Amino acid sequence: MGRLIVIVLVVFALLWLLRRALAAQRKGDTPPQAPGEAKGDLVSCAHCGVNLPKGEAYAVRGVPPSAGGRHYCSEEHWRAGPRDG
């Protein structure tokens, strides 16, 4: 009877350690965030107006948004330019 209790305790300890190791591994799977970029920063496409994460947007190269640079949702809209009106 004593051996059975020890075996059950060892099995539970191994399962606990395995779950803990897998949880730590899953935490490391998330890609690192770019410095200075908040997770929830959204920008609007200058052509169609759709909102998308700043990291996924096409931006006019060399022109920062604070200086009039625009963001676009796709390369097609970037080539078309801003919509008039």
N, C-alpha and C. Protein backbone atom coordinates (compact mmCIF):
# COMPACT_ATOMS: atom_id res chain seq x y z
N MET A 1 0.82 -1.20 0.00
CA MET A 1 0.00 0.00 0.00
C MET A 1 0.86 1.27 0.00
N GLY A 2 1.94 1.24 0.75
CA GLY A 2 2.84 2.39 0.83
C GLY A 2 3.50 2.68 -0.50
N ARG A 3 3.87 1.61 -1.24
CA ARG A 3 4.50 1.79 -2.55
C ARG A 3 3.52 2.43 -3.54
N LEU A 4 2.27 2.03 -3.47
CA LEU A 4 1.25 2.58 -4.36
C LEU A 4 1.10 4.08 -4.16
N ILE A 5 1.10 4.53 -2.93
CA ILE A 5 0.98 5.95 -2.63
C ILE A 5 2.19 6.71 -3.17
N VAL A 6 3.38 6.14 -3.00
CA VAL A 6 4.59 6.78 -3.49
C VAL A 6 4.56 6.87 -5.02
N ILE A 7 4.12 5.81 -5.68
CA ILE A 7 4.04 5.80 -7.15
C ILE A 7 3.05 6.85 -7.63
N VAL A 8 1.91 6.94 -6.99
CA VAL A 8 0.90 7.94 -7.37
C VAL A 8 1.45 9.35 -7.17
N LEU A 9 2.15 9.59 -6.07
CA LEU A 9 2.73 10.91 -5.83
C LEU A 9 3.80 11.24 -6.86
N VAL A 10 4.61 10.29 -7.25
CA VAL A 10 5.64 10.52 -8.26
C VAL A 10 5.00 10.83 -9.60
N VAL A 11 3.94 10.11 -9.97
CA VAL A 11 3.25 10.36 -11.23
C VAL A 11 2.67 11.77 -11.24
N PHE A 12 2.02 12.17 -10.16
CA PHE A 12 1.46 13.52 -10.08
C PHE A 12 2.55 14.58 -10.15
N ALA A 13 3.69 14.34 -9.50
CA ALA A 13 4.78 15.30 -9.55
C ALA A 13 5.33 15.42 -10.97
N LEU A 14 5.47 14.32 -11.68
CA LEU A 14 5.95 14.35 -13.06
C LEU A 14 4.98 15.08 -13.98
N LEU A 15 3.69 14.83 -13.81
CA LEU A 15 2.69 15.53 -14.61
C LEU A 15 2.71 17.03 -14.35
N TRP A 16 2.86 17.41 -13.09
CA TRP A 16 2.91 18.82 -12.72
C TRP A 16 4.14 19.49 -13.35
N LEU A 17 5.30 18.83 -13.28
CA LEU A 17 6.51 19.39 -13.87
C LEU A 17 6.40 19.49 -15.39
N LEU A 18 5.78 18.50 -16.03
CA LEU A 18 5.61 18.52 -17.47
C LEU A 18 4.69 19.66 -17.90
N ARG A 19 3.57 19.85 -17.22
CA ARG A 19 2.66 20.95 -17.54
C ARG A 19 3.34 22.30 -17.35
N ARG A 20 4.13 22.41 -16.31
CA ARG A 20 4.83 23.66 -16.03
C ARG A 20 5.86 23.97 -17.12
N ALA A 21 6.57 22.96 -17.57
CA ALA A 21 7.56 23.16 -18.63
C ALA A 21 6.88 23.53 -19.94
N LEU A 22 5.76 22.91 -20.27
CA LEU A 22 5.04 23.23 -21.50
C LEU A 22 4.46 24.64 -21.46
N ALA A 23 3.98 25.07 -20.30
CA ALA A 23 3.44 26.42 -20.17
C ALA A 23 4.55 27.46 -20.35
N ALA A 24 5.72 27.19 -19.83
CA ALA A 24 6.84 28.12 -19.98
C ALA A 24 7.28 28.18 -21.44
N GLN A 25 7.22 27.06 -22.13
CA GLN A 25 7.60 27.03 -23.54
C GLN A 25 6.61 27.82 -24.38
N ARG A 26 5.32 27.73 -24.09
CA ARG A 26 4.30 28.48 -24.83
C ARG A 26 4.47 29.98 -24.64
N LYS A 27 4.88 30.41 -23.46
CA LYS A 27 5.10 31.83 -23.21
C LYS A 27 6.23 32.35 -24.09
N GLY A 28 7.22 31.55 -24.37
CA GLY A 28 8.36 31.96 -25.18
C GLY A 28 8.05 31.98 -26.66
N ASP A 29 6.89 31.45 -27.09
CA ASP A 29 6.54 31.39 -28.51
C ASP A 29 6.06 32.72 -29.07
N THR A 30 5.66 33.65 -28.22
CA THR A 30 5.15 34.92 -28.71
C THR A 30 6.30 35.75 -29.25
N PRO A 31 6.14 36.34 -30.43
CA PRO A 31 7.23 37.13 -31.01
C PRO A 31 7.47 38.39 -30.20
N PRO A 32 8.72 38.83 -30.11
CA PRO A 32 8.99 40.05 -29.35
C PRO A 32 8.41 41.26 -30.05
N GLN A 33 7.97 42.19 -29.25
CA GLN A 33 7.35 43.40 -29.78
C GLN A 33 8.42 44.42 -30.13
N ALA A 34 8.21 45.16 -31.19
CA ALA A 34 9.18 46.18 -31.60
C ALA A 34 9.24 47.25 -30.51
N PRO A 35 10.44 47.74 -30.20
CA PRO A 35 10.55 48.75 -29.15
C PRO A 35 9.86 50.05 -29.56
N GLY A 36 9.16 50.63 -28.60
CA GLY A 36 8.48 51.90 -28.86
C GLY A 36 7.13 51.75 -29.54
N GLU A 37 6.74 50.53 -29.85
CA GLU A 37 5.46 50.34 -30.53
C GLU A 37 4.49 49.67 -29.57
N ALA A 38 3.43 50.36 -29.22
CA ALA A 38 2.44 49.80 -28.32
C ALA A 38 1.64 48.72 -29.03
N LYS A 39 1.16 47.77 -28.25
CA LYS A 39 0.44 46.64 -28.83
C LYS A 39 -0.83 47.09 -29.54
N GLY A 40 -1.50 48.09 -29.03
CA GLY A 40 -2.78 48.48 -29.58
C GLY A 40 -2.75 49.65 -30.55
N ASP A 41 -1.58 50.06 -31.03
CA ASP A 41 -1.52 51.20 -31.95
C ASP A 41 -2.16 50.84 -33.28
N LEU A 42 -3.20 51.58 -33.64
CA LEU A 42 -3.88 51.38 -34.91
C LEU A 42 -3.69 52.62 -35.77
N VAL A 43 -3.58 52.39 -37.07
CA VAL A 43 -3.50 53.50 -38.01
C VAL A 43 -4.57 53.29 -39.07
N SER A 44 -4.92 54.36 -39.73
CA SER A 44 -5.96 54.33 -40.75
C SER A 44 -5.32 54.37 -42.13
N CYS A 45 -5.82 53.56 -43.04
CA CYS A 45 -5.33 53.56 -44.41
C CYS A 45 -5.72 54.89 -45.06
N ALA A 46 -4.76 55.54 -45.71
CA ALA A 46 -5.02 56.84 -46.34
C ALA A 46 -5.90 56.70 -47.58
N HIS A 47 -6.04 55.49 -48.11
CA HIS A 47 -6.84 55.29 -49.32
C HIS A 47 -8.27 54.87 -48.98
N CYS A 48 -8.42 53.82 -48.17
CA CYS A 48 -9.78 53.29 -47.93
C CYS A 48 -10.29 53.56 -46.51
N GLY A 49 -9.40 53.95 -45.60
CA GLY A 49 -9.83 54.29 -44.25
C GLY A 49 -9.91 53.13 -43.27
N VAL A 50 -9.56 51.92 -43.69
CA VAL A 50 -9.63 50.78 -42.79
C VAL A 50 -8.55 50.93 -41.71
N ASN A 51 -8.88 50.51 -40.47
CA ASN A 51 -7.93 50.56 -39.37
C ASN A 51 -7.17 49.24 -39.30
N LEU A 52 -5.86 49.32 -39.10
CA LEU A 52 -5.04 48.13 -38.99
C LEU A 52 -3.87 48.42 -38.06
N PRO A 53 -3.25 47.35 -37.50
CA PRO A 53 -2.11 47.56 -36.60
C PRO A 53 -0.97 48.27 -37.32
N LYS A 54 -0.31 49.14 -36.61
CA LYS A 54 0.76 49.94 -37.20
C LYS A 54 1.87 49.07 -37.77
N GLY A 55 2.16 47.94 -37.14
CA GLY A 55 3.21 47.06 -37.60
C GLY A 55 2.91 46.38 -38.92
N GLU A 56 1.63 46.30 -39.30
CA GLU A 56 1.23 45.64 -40.54
C GLU A 56 0.98 46.62 -41.68
N ALA A 57 1.04 47.91 -41.39
CA ALA A 57 0.71 48.92 -42.39
C ALA A 57 1.90 49.23 -43.28
N TYR A 58 1.60 49.61 -44.52
CA TYR A 58 2.62 50.12 -45.44
C TYR A 58 2.72 51.62 -45.17
N ALA A 59 3.93 52.10 -44.98
CA ALA A 59 4.13 53.52 -44.72
C ALA A 59 4.96 54.11 -45.85
N VAL A 60 4.78 55.40 -46.08
CA VAL A 60 5.59 56.09 -47.07
C VAL A 60 7.01 56.12 -46.53
N ARG A 61 7.94 55.58 -47.28
CA ARG A 61 9.32 55.45 -46.81
C ARG A 61 9.99 56.82 -46.64
N GLY A 62 10.66 56.97 -45.50
CA GLY A 62 11.43 58.17 -45.26
C GLY A 62 10.63 59.35 -44.75
N VAL A 63 9.32 59.21 -44.68
CA VAL A 63 8.48 60.32 -44.21
C VAL A 63 7.74 59.85 -42.96
N PRO A 64 8.12 60.35 -41.79
CA PRO A 64 7.43 59.92 -40.58
C PRO A 64 5.98 60.41 -40.56
N PRO A 65 5.06 59.64 -39.97
CA PRO A 65 3.65 60.04 -39.93
C PRO A 65 3.43 61.40 -39.29
N SER A 66 4.29 61.76 -38.33
CA SER A 66 4.12 63.07 -37.67
C SER A 66 4.44 64.22 -38.63
N ALA A 67 5.15 63.93 -39.72
CA ALA A 67 5.49 64.97 -40.69
C ALA A 67 4.64 64.84 -41.95
N GLY A 68 3.48 64.24 -41.83
CA GLY A 68 2.58 64.11 -42.96
C GLY A 68 2.67 62.79 -43.69
N GLY A 69 3.47 61.86 -43.18
CA GLY A 69 3.55 60.54 -43.80
C GLY A 69 2.23 59.80 -43.64
N ARG A 70 1.91 58.93 -44.59
CA ARG A 70 0.63 58.22 -44.56
C ARG A 70 0.87 56.73 -44.44
N HIS A 71 -0.13 56.03 -43.94
CA HIS A 71 -0.11 54.58 -43.84
C HIS A 71 -1.14 54.00 -44.80
N TYR A 72 -0.84 52.81 -45.32
CA TYR A 72 -1.75 52.13 -46.25
C TYR A 72 -1.91 50.68 -45.82
N CYS A 73 -3.07 50.09 -46.16
CA CYS A 73 -3.37 48.72 -45.76
C CYS A 73 -2.75 47.69 -46.71
N SER A 74 -2.43 48.07 -47.91
CA SER A 74 -1.85 47.13 -48.87
C SER A 74 -0.94 47.87 -49.84
N GLU A 75 -0.15 47.10 -50.56
CA GLU A 75 0.74 47.71 -51.54
C GLU A 75 -0.05 48.35 -52.67
N GLU A 76 -1.19 47.76 -53.01
CA GLU A 76 -2.05 48.31 -54.07
C GLU A 76 -2.54 49.71 -53.69
N HIS A 77 -2.99 49.87 -52.45
CA HIS A 77 -3.45 51.18 -52.00
C HIS A 77 -2.29 52.14 -51.86
N TRP A 78 -1.11 51.63 -51.49
CA TRP A 78 0.07 52.49 -51.40
C TRP A 78 0.41 53.06 -52.78
N ARG A 79 0.30 52.21 -53.81
CA ARG A 79 0.59 52.67 -55.17
C ARG A 79 -0.48 53.66 -55.67
N ALA A 80 -1.74 53.42 -55.26
CA ALA A 80 -2.84 54.28 -55.71
C ALA A 80 -2.78 55.65 -55.03
N GLY A 81 -2.22 55.71 -53.84
CA GLY A 81 -2.11 56.98 -53.13
C GLY A 81 -3.37 57.29 -52.34
N PRO A 82 -3.39 58.45 -51.69
CA PRO A 82 -4.53 58.81 -50.87
C PRO A 82 -5.76 59.08 -51.71
N ARG A 83 -6.91 58.76 -51.18
CA ARG A 83 -8.18 59.01 -51.87
C ARG A 83 -8.57 60.46 -51.70
N ASP A 84 -9.00 61.07 -52.76
CA ASP A 84 -9.44 62.46 -52.69
C ASP A 84 -10.88 62.51 -52.21
N GLY A 85 -11.13 63.36 -51.26
CA GLY A 85 -12.50 63.56 -50.79
C GLY A 85 -12.78 62.92 -49.57
